[in-house]
Amino acid sequence: MRFRQLVLCVGLGVALTACGRNQSAPERPAANAPAVASRAAAPTNAAVTQQKAAEQESDLPSKITRMNEDGSETVEDVPGDSGAHNPLLAAVASTVAAATTAASAAAPSGWQEGVNYTRIVPAQPTEVPPGQIEILEFFWYACPHCNAIDSMVESWKRTKPPYISFSRVHVMWNDAHRAHARLYYTLESLGKLDQLHTEVFKEIHLNGDPLVAADPAETERMQVTFVKKFGISEAAFRDKYHSFDVDNAMRKADELVQRYRVDGVPRFIVNGKYVVDVASAGSPERLISLIGDLAAQEHKR
């Protein structure tokens, strides 16, 4: 009953922008996971450049220690006249300015790295052919925010440029998420995902059927009842539901969730390099525009 109440609270989508990972779910190791740059770290203009240069200058030592051949140390003053012509300070200022210029040049027009999107360090490998730009959407069927933007994503998917390869990844945070993920990948294996993806959202968020229960057997029965309404036989569904293909798809999805440290949905990854969501973009409409601009920038490289 508690879960049913959760999935029926669609009104929360007005006030919130993402569904977070269940805090009670067991943590998985983040070994080899990429680091995501802080949104507040990106320099954006000359004033920031000057400020950072000043901060770097204030942190520089006034003396340096050199190691002599006999093992002794010699302490020397840093050369320069009060920093006015100090080559070390000049190098710092030059490096900061260069970083600022590079970041500005790399950002698509109208967007700020560290504000509207975050960079993944190091960039992760993609699974698309050369010349294609990979867009991944991490989502959960019972998330009201994923449901709220899904029609917009579906519309964009039909009109996106041909160089964009788009796919969804269902999160695997706990048993309830995994139960919905198994439904998603079963429909994909049956070739029925295009037909029924939106219908799953409707069943949960409009019809009040959570399509998951505490008992796995009951979960499967509920999902069988749902797909039979669309002409899928119980035998065909159960065969795929327990197949190696579906198990393997879920394993790969779990690896992606861990690799990108996904702790909230909906979340999008652009070409293994950038993380974007509704909050960072500013609105669902701006999110779609941002994804398109980042993808176009990657395609030009």
Protein backbone atom coordinates (compact mmCIF):
# COMPACT_ATOMS: atom_id res chain seq x y z
CA MET A 1 0.00 0.00 0.00
CA ARG A 2 2.84 2.34 0.80
CA PHE A 3 4.34 1.83 -2.65
CA ARG A 4 0.94 2.31 -4.32
CA GLN A 5 0.58 5.65 -2.56
CA LEU A 6 4.03 6.63 -3.74
CA VAL A 7 3.42 6.02 -7.40
CA LEU A 8 0.06 7.75 -7.29
CA CYS A 9 1.53 11.04 -6.04
CA VAL A 10 1.96 12.47 -9.52
CA GLY A 11 1.33 15.95 -8.18
CA LEU A 12 4.78 15.93 -6.64
CA GLY A 13 6.16 16.37 -10.13
CA VAL A 14 5.11 20.02 -10.03
CA ALA A 15 7.32 20.75 -7.04
CA LEU A 16 10.26 18.40 -7.66
CA THR A 17 12.54 17.82 -10.62
CA ALA A 18 13.88 14.29 -10.07
CA CYS A 19 13.29 10.99 -8.31
CA GLY A 20 16.20 10.18 -6.03
CA ARG A 21 17.73 6.84 -5.26
CA ASN A 22 16.08 4.97 -2.38
CA GLN A 23 18.30 5.78 0.60
CA SER A 24 17.55 2.43 2.21
CA ALA A 25 18.84 0.52 -0.80
CA PRO A 26 22.27 -1.11 -0.30
CA GLU A 27 25.11 0.97 -1.66
CA ARG A 28 27.12 -0.50 -4.52
CA PRO A 29 30.86 0.13 -4.94
CA ALA A 30 31.78 2.96 -7.26
CA ALA A 31 35.10 1.45 -8.34
CA ASN A 32 36.42 2.89 -11.62
CA ALA A 33 33.45 5.27 -11.74
CA PRO A 34 34.14 8.63 -13.43
CA ALA A 35 34.23 11.83 -11.47
CA VAL A 36 31.66 14.50 -12.33
CA ALA A 37 32.90 18.07 -12.20
CA SER A 38 31.18 20.44 -9.78
CA ARG A 39 28.61 22.73 -11.37
CA ALA A 40 29.99 25.67 -9.43
CA ALA A 41 33.59 25.20 -10.59
CA ALA A 42 33.54 26.49 -14.15
CA PRO A 43 35.07 29.96 -14.80
CA THR A 44 32.82 32.04 -16.99
CA ASN A 45 34.31 35.50 -17.51
CA ALA A 46 37.32 37.78 -17.10
CA ALA A 47 36.36 38.77 -13.55
CA VAL A 48 36.45 35.16 -12.45
CA THR A 49 39.81 34.73 -14.18
CA GLN A 50 41.29 37.68 -12.30
CA GLN A 51 39.83 36.48 -9.02
CA LYS A 52 41.29 33.01 -9.44
CA ALA A 53 44.67 34.43 -10.43
CA ALA A 54 44.66 36.56 -7.28
CA GLU A 55 43.73 33.56 -5.17
CA GLN A 56 46.51 31.50 -6.73
CA GLU A 57 48.96 34.34 -6.14
CA SER A 58 48.04 34.64 -2.46
CA ASP A 59 48.59 30.91 -2.01
CA LEU A 60 52.06 30.84 -3.61
CA PRO A 61 55.04 30.43 -1.28
CA SER A 62 57.48 33.31 -0.98
CA LYS A 63 60.38 30.84 -0.78
CA ILE A 64 61.29 27.57 -2.46
CA THR A 65 63.45 24.70 -1.27
CA ARG A 66 66.05 23.16 -3.58
CA MET A 67 67.80 19.83 -3.03
CA ASN A 68 71.60 19.97 -3.41
CA GLU A 69 73.79 17.16 -4.76
CA ASP A 70 75.15 16.36 -1.29
CA GLY A 71 71.64 15.87 0.07
CA SER A 72 71.40 19.20 1.86
CA GLU A 73 68.63 21.73 1.22
CA THR A 74 68.88 25.39 0.24
CA VAL A 75 66.01 27.78 0.85
CA GLU A 76 65.77 30.61 -1.70
CA ASP A 77 63.47 33.56 -2.25
CA VAL A 78 61.08 33.24 -5.17
CA PRO A 79 62.48 35.62 -7.82
CA GLY A 80 60.59 38.77 -8.69
CA ASP A 81 59.85 42.24 -7.38
CA SER A 82 56.77 41.92 -5.12
CA GLY A 83 55.18 39.69 -7.73
CA ALA A 84 54.94 42.40 -10.39
CA HIS A 85 57.30 40.55 -12.75
CA ASN A 86 57.38 37.18 -11.05
CA PRO A 87 57.59 34.52 -13.78
CA LEU A 88 55.95 31.94 -11.54
CA LEU A 89 52.96 34.21 -10.91
CA ALA A 90 52.81 35.10 -14.58
CA ALA A 91 52.69 31.40 -15.48
CA VAL A 92 49.84 30.84 -13.03
CA ALA A 93 47.83 33.75 -14.44
CA SER A 94 48.48 32.55 -17.98
CA THR A 95 47.33 29.01 -17.14
CA VAL A 96 44.12 30.23 -15.50
CA ALA A 97 43.36 32.53 -18.44
CA ALA A 98 43.97 29.70 -20.91
CA ALA A 99 41.67 27.37 -18.99
CA THR A 100 38.97 30.04 -18.97
CA THR A 101 39.27 30.59 -22.71
CA ALA A 102 39.19 26.85 -23.43
CA ALA A 103 36.10 26.29 -21.26
CA SER A 104 34.32 29.20 -22.90
CA ALA A 105 35.17 27.95 -26.38
CA ALA A 106 34.02 24.41 -25.56
CA ALA A 107 30.59 25.41 -24.24
CA PRO A 108 27.68 25.56 -26.72
CA SER A 109 26.31 29.05 -27.20
CA GLY A 110 23.97 30.10 -24.40
CA TRP A 111 24.99 27.33 -21.98
CA GLN A 112 27.51 27.28 -19.14
CA GLU A 113 29.57 24.28 -18.19
CA GLY A 114 29.32 23.77 -14.46
CA VAL A 115 25.90 25.44 -14.40
CA ASN A 116 23.73 23.90 -17.11
CA TYR A 117 25.68 20.67 -17.50
CA THR A 118 28.56 18.86 -15.83
CA ARG A 119 31.55 17.24 -17.45
CA ILE A 120 32.38 13.59 -16.79
CA VAL A 121 36.06 13.01 -16.00
CA PRO A 122 37.31 10.88 -17.59
CA ALA A 123 34.89 10.64 -20.51
CA GLN A 124 33.36 7.18 -20.80
CA PRO A 125 33.33 4.93 -23.89
CA THR A 126 30.10 4.75 -25.85
CA GLU A 127 28.49 1.84 -27.68
CA VAL A 128 27.52 3.49 -30.96
CA PRO A 129 29.09 3.37 -34.45
CA PRO A 130 31.59 6.05 -35.55
CA GLY A 131 29.86 9.30 -36.42
CA GLN A 132 26.97 8.63 -34.01
CA ILE A 133 26.41 10.56 -30.79
CA GLU A 134 25.07 8.49 -27.89
CA ILE A 135 22.32 9.90 -25.66
CA LEU A 136 21.29 7.82 -22.63
CA GLU A 137 18.24 8.52 -20.51
CA PHE A 138 18.27 6.93 -17.05
CA PHE A 139 14.71 6.55 -15.80
CA TRP A 140 12.27 4.61 -13.59
CA TYR A 141 8.73 3.73 -14.64
CA ALA A 142 7.21 4.73 -11.27
CA CYS A 143 9.00 8.12 -11.19
CA PRO A 144 6.43 10.92 -11.71
CA HIS A 145 9.12 13.20 -13.16
CA CYS A 146 10.13 10.61 -15.76
CA ASN A 147 6.46 10.25 -16.63
CA ALA A 148 6.04 14.04 -16.88
CA ILE A 149 8.75 14.48 -19.52
CA ASP A 150 8.28 11.21 -21.39
CA SER A 151 5.88 12.56 -24.03
CA MET A 152 8.34 15.37 -24.78
CA VAL A 153 11.22 12.89 -25.04
CA GLU A 154 9.15 10.66 -27.33
CA SER A 155 8.36 13.63 -29.58
CA TRP A 156 12.03 14.65 -29.70
CA LYS A 157 13.04 11.04 -30.46
CA ARG A 158 10.92 11.12 -33.63
CA THR A 159 12.48 14.37 -34.89
CA LYS A 160 16.07 14.18 -33.61
CA PRO A 161 18.96 14.39 -36.09
CA PRO A 162 20.00 11.05 -37.62
CA TYR A 163 23.44 11.22 -36.01
CA ILE A 164 21.92 10.90 -32.51
CA SER A 165 21.59 7.38 -31.14
CA PHE A 166 19.11 7.47 -28.24
CA SER A 167 18.38 4.72 -25.72
CA ARG A 168 16.92 4.41 -22.25
CA VAL A 169 18.45 2.71 -19.22
CA HIS A 170 16.14 1.62 -16.40
CA VAL A 171 17.71 2.12 -12.95
CA MET A 172 18.36 -0.85 -10.64
CA TRP A 173 18.49 0.63 -7.16
CA ASN A 174 16.28 -1.89 -5.33
CA ASP A 175 13.87 -4.78 -5.89
CA ALA A 176 10.99 -2.54 -7.00
CA HIS A 177 13.20 -0.80 -9.58
CA ARG A 178 14.47 -4.17 -10.80
CA ALA A 179 10.93 -5.48 -11.20
CA HIS A 180 10.03 -2.56 -13.46
CA ALA A 181 13.36 -2.90 -15.27
CA ARG A 182 12.60 -6.57 -16.02
CA LEU A 183 9.29 -5.49 -17.55
CA TYR A 184 11.07 -2.86 -19.65
CA TYR A 185 13.72 -5.24 -21.00
CA THR A 186 11.16 -8.02 -21.56
CA LEU A 187 9.10 -5.69 -23.74
CA GLU A 188 12.28 -4.71 -25.56
CA SER A 189 13.18 -8.37 -26.15
CA LEU A 190 9.67 -9.03 -27.47
CA GLY A 191 9.96 -6.10 -29.89
CA LYS A 192 6.98 -4.42 -28.19
CA LEU A 193 8.71 -1.51 -26.48
CA ASP A 194 7.72 1.15 -29.02
CA GLN A 195 4.11 0.05 -28.70
CA LEU A 196 3.90 -0.32 -24.92
CA HIS A 197 6.49 1.99 -23.33
CA THR A 198 4.03 4.87 -22.97
CA GLU A 199 1.29 2.44 -21.94
CA VAL A 200 3.36 1.30 -18.94
CA PHE A 201 3.58 4.89 -17.71
CA LYS A 202 -0.18 5.28 -18.15
CA GLU A 203 -0.92 2.06 -16.29
CA ILE A 204 1.12 3.17 -13.28
CA HIS A 205 0.42 6.90 -13.14
CA LEU A 206 -3.11 7.15 -14.54
CA ASN A 207 -4.68 3.77 -13.83
CA GLY A 208 -3.14 3.35 -10.38
CA ASP A 209 -1.70 -0.10 -11.08
CA PRO A 210 1.89 -0.16 -9.74
CA LEU A 211 2.82 -3.30 -11.73
CA VAL A 212 4.97 -4.45 -8.82
CA ALA A 213 4.32 -6.23 -5.52
CA ALA A 214 6.32 -7.44 -2.55
CA ASP A 215 6.07 -11.01 -3.83
CA PRO A 216 7.98 -11.57 -7.13
CA ALA A 217 5.40 -14.12 -8.30
CA GLU A 218 2.62 -11.59 -7.78
CA THR A 219 4.64 -8.97 -9.64
CA GLU A 220 4.97 -11.31 -12.61
CA ARG A 221 1.23 -12.09 -12.52
CA MET A 222 0.36 -8.37 -12.52
CA GLN A 223 2.65 -7.72 -15.46
CA VAL A 224 1.30 -10.70 -17.39
CA THR A 225 -2.25 -9.39 -16.89
CA PHE A 226 -1.14 -5.99 -18.19
CA VAL A 227 0.57 -7.20 -21.40
CA LYS A 228 -2.26 -9.61 -22.27
CA LYS A 229 -4.49 -6.55 -22.77
CA PHE A 230 -2.26 -5.68 -25.75
CA GLY A 231 -2.29 -9.09 -27.40
CA ILE A 232 0.89 -10.56 -25.94
CA SER A 233 0.44 -14.17 -24.91
CA GLU A 234 1.26 -15.25 -21.38
CA ALA A 235 3.59 -17.98 -22.65
CA ALA A 236 5.58 -15.61 -24.86
CA PHE A 237 5.88 -13.05 -22.10
CA ARG A 238 6.97 -15.52 -19.42
CA ASP A 239 9.49 -17.11 -21.79
CA LYS A 240 11.23 -13.78 -22.40
CA TYR A 241 10.75 -12.62 -18.80
CA HIS A 242 13.09 -15.38 -17.57
CA SER A 243 15.40 -15.44 -20.59
CA PHE A 244 19.16 -14.99 -20.75
CA ASP A 245 18.68 -11.98 -23.06
CA VAL A 246 16.67 -10.09 -20.45
CA ASP A 247 19.03 -11.06 -17.63
CA ASN A 248 21.98 -9.85 -19.72
CA ALA A 249 20.25 -6.57 -20.61
CA MET A 250 19.58 -5.93 -16.92
CA ARG A 251 23.19 -6.67 -16.04
CA LYS A 252 24.42 -4.15 -18.63
CA ALA A 253 21.94 -1.56 -17.37
CA ASP A 254 23.16 -2.06 -13.82
CA GLU A 255 26.75 -1.54 -14.95
CA LEU A 256 25.81 1.75 -16.61
CA VAL A 257 23.94 2.95 -13.52
CA GLN A 258 27.06 2.30 -11.45
CA ARG A 259 29.51 3.66 -14.02
CA TYR A 260 27.72 7.00 -14.21
CA ARG A 261 26.89 7.09 -10.48
CA VAL A 262 23.23 7.70 -11.21
CA ASP A 263 21.43 8.67 -7.99
CA GLY A 264 18.46 10.53 -9.45
CA VAL A 265 16.15 10.30 -12.46
CA PRO A 266 15.42 11.42 -15.08
CA ARG A 267 19.05 11.99 -15.99
CA PHE A 268 20.73 12.17 -19.39
CA ILE A 269 24.29 11.38 -20.48
CA VAL A 270 25.54 12.96 -23.70
CA ASN A 271 28.18 10.96 -25.56
CA GLY A 272 29.76 9.68 -22.34
CA LYS A 273 30.98 13.21 -21.57
CA TYR A 274 28.21 15.34 -20.08
CA VAL A 275 25.47 14.97 -17.46
CA VAL A 276 22.26 17.00 -17.82
CA ASP A 277 18.86 17.05 -16.14
CA VAL A 278 15.81 19.26 -15.83
CA ALA A 279 17.20 21.16 -12.84
CA SER A 280 20.47 22.08 -14.54
CA ALA A 281 18.81 23.01 -17.83
CA GLY A 282 16.07 25.08 -16.17
CA SER A 283 12.95 23.41 -17.63
CA PRO A 284 11.98 20.32 -19.65
CA GLU A 285 11.93 22.38 -22.86
CA ARG A 286 15.41 23.77 -22.19
CA LEU A 287 16.62 20.27 -21.34
CA ILE A 288 15.71 19.04 -24.82
CA SER A 289 17.45 22.06 -26.38
CA LEU A 290 20.55 21.53 -24.25
CA ILE A 291 20.81 17.87 -25.21
CA GLY A 292 20.52 18.82 -28.87
CA ASP A 293 23.17 21.54 -28.60
CA LEU A 294 25.66 19.30 -26.78
CA ALA A 295 25.08 16.52 -29.30
CA ALA A 296 25.59 18.92 -32.23
CA GLN A 297 28.83 20.17 -30.67
CA GLU A 298 30.08 16.59 -30.27
CA HIS A 299 29.11 15.76 -33.84
CA LYS A 300 31.31 18.60 -35.16
CA ARG A 301 34.42 17.27 -33.44
